[in-house]
Amino acid sequence: MERLDKRRASHYKYYTDQIWGLAENYHLCLDSSLIGIEKCVSVICDIYQSINAGQ
């Protein structure tokens, strides 16, 4: 898993010139260990629906 993560980080850095895993590089970050998977899914679905409702 560590080798795969290193490959992902390298790929991400090459194509975006940003650091893999920094929250500031993403539009949305949720801590599933804090709020749980089900709540994360609910938040993501709510955001998706609100974005699509405006189109």
N, C-alpha and C. Protein backbone atom coordinates (compact mmCIF):
# COMPACT_ATOMS: atom_id res chain seq x y z
N MET A 1 0.82 -1.18 0.00
CA MET A 1 0.00 0.00 0.00
C MET A 1 0.88 1.26 0.00
N GLU A 2 1.94 1.24 0.77
CA GLU A 2 2.83 2.40 0.82
C GLU A 2 3.44 2.69 -0.55
N ARG A 3 3.82 1.64 -1.27
CA ARG A 3 4.39 1.81 -2.61
C ARG A 3 3.36 2.42 -3.55
N LEU A 4 2.13 1.97 -3.45
CA LEU A 4 1.07 2.51 -4.29
C LEU A 4 0.81 3.98 -3.96
N ASP A 5 0.79 4.32 -2.67
CA ASP A 5 0.61 5.71 -2.26
C ASP A 5 1.74 6.60 -2.78
N LYS A 6 2.95 6.09 -2.77
CA LYS A 6 4.08 6.86 -3.30
C LYS A 6 3.93 7.09 -4.80
N ARG A 7 3.44 6.08 -5.50
CA ARG A 7 3.20 6.23 -6.94
C ARG A 7 2.11 7.24 -7.22
N ARG A 8 1.05 7.19 -6.43
CA ARG A 8 -0.03 8.17 -6.59
C ARG A 8 0.47 9.58 -6.33
N ALA A 9 1.24 9.74 -5.26
CA ALA A 9 1.77 11.06 -4.92
C ALA A 9 2.67 11.58 -6.02
N SER A 10 3.50 10.72 -6.57
CA SER A 10 4.40 11.11 -7.64
C SER A 10 3.61 11.52 -8.89
N HIS A 11 2.63 10.73 -9.25
CA HIS A 11 1.77 11.02 -10.40
C HIS A 11 1.05 12.35 -10.21
N TYR A 12 0.48 12.55 -9.03
CA TYR A 12 -0.25 13.79 -8.72
C TYR A 12 0.67 14.99 -8.80
N LYS A 13 1.86 14.88 -8.24
CA LYS A 13 2.83 15.98 -8.25
C LYS A 13 3.24 16.31 -9.68
N TYR A 14 3.49 15.30 -10.49
CA TYR A 14 3.92 15.50 -11.87
C TYR A 14 2.87 16.26 -12.68
N TYR A 15 1.59 15.87 -12.54
CA TYR A 15 0.54 16.45 -13.37
C TYR A 15 -0.08 17.72 -12.80
N THR A 16 0.04 17.96 -11.49
CA THR A 16 -0.61 19.13 -10.90
C THR A 16 0.38 20.10 -10.27
N ASP A 17 1.59 19.67 -10.05
CA ASP A 17 2.61 20.45 -9.33
C ASP A 17 2.13 20.82 -7.92
N GLN A 18 1.31 19.95 -7.35
CA GLN A 18 0.82 20.12 -5.98
C GLN A 18 1.16 18.88 -5.18
N ILE A 19 1.04 18.98 -3.86
CA ILE A 19 1.38 17.87 -2.98
C ILE A 19 0.13 17.05 -2.67
N TRP A 20 0.25 15.74 -2.88
CA TRP A 20 -0.83 14.79 -2.63
C TRP A 20 -1.20 14.82 -1.14
N GLY A 21 -2.48 14.90 -0.85
CA GLY A 21 -2.95 14.77 0.51
C GLY A 21 -3.19 16.07 1.26
N LEU A 22 -2.76 17.20 0.73
CA LEU A 22 -3.01 18.46 1.41
C LEU A 22 -4.46 18.90 1.18
N ALA A 23 -5.17 19.16 2.26
CA ALA A 23 -6.59 19.52 2.16
C ALA A 23 -6.81 20.74 1.29
N GLU A 24 -5.87 21.68 1.31
CA GLU A 24 -6.04 22.91 0.52
C GLU A 24 -6.04 22.66 -0.98
N ASN A 25 -5.63 21.48 -1.42
CA ASN A 25 -5.59 21.16 -2.84
C ASN A 25 -6.88 20.51 -3.35
N TYR A 26 -7.89 20.41 -2.50
CA TYR A 26 -9.13 19.73 -2.86
C TYR A 26 -10.32 20.66 -2.64
N HIS A 27 -11.40 20.41 -3.37
CA HIS A 27 -12.62 21.20 -3.22
C HIS A 27 -13.40 20.81 -1.97
N LEU A 28 -13.28 19.55 -1.57
CA LEU A 28 -14.04 19.05 -0.43
C LEU A 28 -13.22 18.00 0.29
N CYS A 29 -13.11 18.13 1.60
CA CYS A 29 -12.42 17.14 2.42
C CYS A 29 -13.30 16.81 3.61
N LEU A 30 -13.48 15.53 3.86
CA LEU A 30 -14.28 15.07 4.99
C LEU A 30 -13.46 14.06 5.79
N ASP A 31 -13.53 14.14 7.10
CA ASP A 31 -12.83 13.22 7.97
C ASP A 31 -13.78 12.09 8.35
N SER A 32 -13.73 11.01 7.58
CA SER A 32 -14.65 9.90 7.80
C SER A 32 -14.42 9.22 9.15
N SER A 33 -13.21 9.33 9.69
CA SER A 33 -12.97 8.74 11.01
C SER A 33 -13.66 9.54 12.10
N LEU A 34 -13.96 10.79 11.83
CA LEU A 34 -14.63 11.65 12.80
C LEU A 34 -16.16 11.60 12.64
N ILE A 35 -16.64 11.71 11.40
CA ILE A 35 -18.10 11.80 11.20
C ILE A 35 -18.72 10.52 10.64
N GLY A 36 -17.91 9.57 10.24
CA GLY A 36 -18.42 8.29 9.75
C GLY A 36 -18.66 8.29 8.25
N ILE A 37 -18.62 7.11 7.69
CA ILE A 37 -18.80 6.92 6.25
C ILE A 37 -20.20 7.33 5.80
N GLU A 38 -21.21 6.92 6.55
CA GLU A 38 -22.59 7.22 6.16
C GLU A 38 -22.83 8.73 6.11
N LYS A 39 -22.31 9.47 7.06
CA LYS A 39 -22.48 10.93 7.06
C LYS A 39 -21.72 11.55 5.90
N CYS A 40 -20.53 11.03 5.61
CA CYS A 40 -19.77 11.52 4.45
C CYS A 40 -20.57 11.34 3.17
N VAL A 41 -21.15 10.17 3.01
CA VAL A 41 -21.96 9.89 1.83
C VAL A 41 -23.14 10.86 1.76
N SER A 42 -23.78 11.08 2.88
CA SER A 42 -24.92 12.00 2.93
C SER A 42 -24.51 13.43 2.55
N VAL A 43 -23.38 13.90 3.08
CA VAL A 43 -22.90 15.24 2.77
C VAL A 43 -22.57 15.36 1.29
N ILE A 44 -21.89 14.38 0.74
CA ILE A 44 -21.52 14.40 -0.67
C ILE A 44 -22.77 14.40 -1.55
N CYS A 45 -23.74 13.57 -1.22
CA CYS A 45 -24.99 13.53 -1.99
C CYS A 45 -25.73 14.85 -1.92
N ASP A 46 -25.78 15.45 -0.73
CA ASP A 46 -26.46 16.74 -0.57
C ASP A 46 -25.79 17.82 -1.41
N ILE A 47 -24.48 17.86 -1.39
CA ILE A 47 -23.76 18.85 -2.19
C ILE A 47 -23.99 18.62 -3.68
N TYR A 48 -23.90 17.38 -4.10
CA TYR A 48 -24.13 17.04 -5.51
C TYR A 48 -25.52 17.48 -5.95
N GLN A 49 -26.52 17.18 -5.14
CA GLN A 49 -27.90 17.55 -5.49
C GLN A 49 -28.08 19.07 -5.53
N SER A 50 -27.45 19.78 -4.60
CA SER A 50 -27.60 21.24 -4.60
C SER A 50 -26.90 21.87 -5.80
N ILE A 51 -25.79 21.31 -6.22
CA ILE A 51 -25.08 21.82 -7.40
C ILE A 51 -25.91 21.57 -8.65
N ASN A 52 -26.44 20.38 -8.78
CA ASN A 52 -27.23 20.03 -9.97
C ASN A 52 -28.58 20.70 -10.00
N ALA A 53 -29.12 21.09 -8.85
CA ALA A 53 -30.41 21.78 -8.81
C ALA A 53 -30.29 23.18 -9.39
N GLY A 54 -29.12 23.76 -9.33
CA GLY A 54 -28.91 25.11 -9.84
C GLY A 54 -28.65 25.18 -11.32
N GLN A 55 -28.59 24.05 -11.99
CA GLN A 55 -28.29 24.05 -13.44
C GLN A 55 -29.53 24.00 -14.27
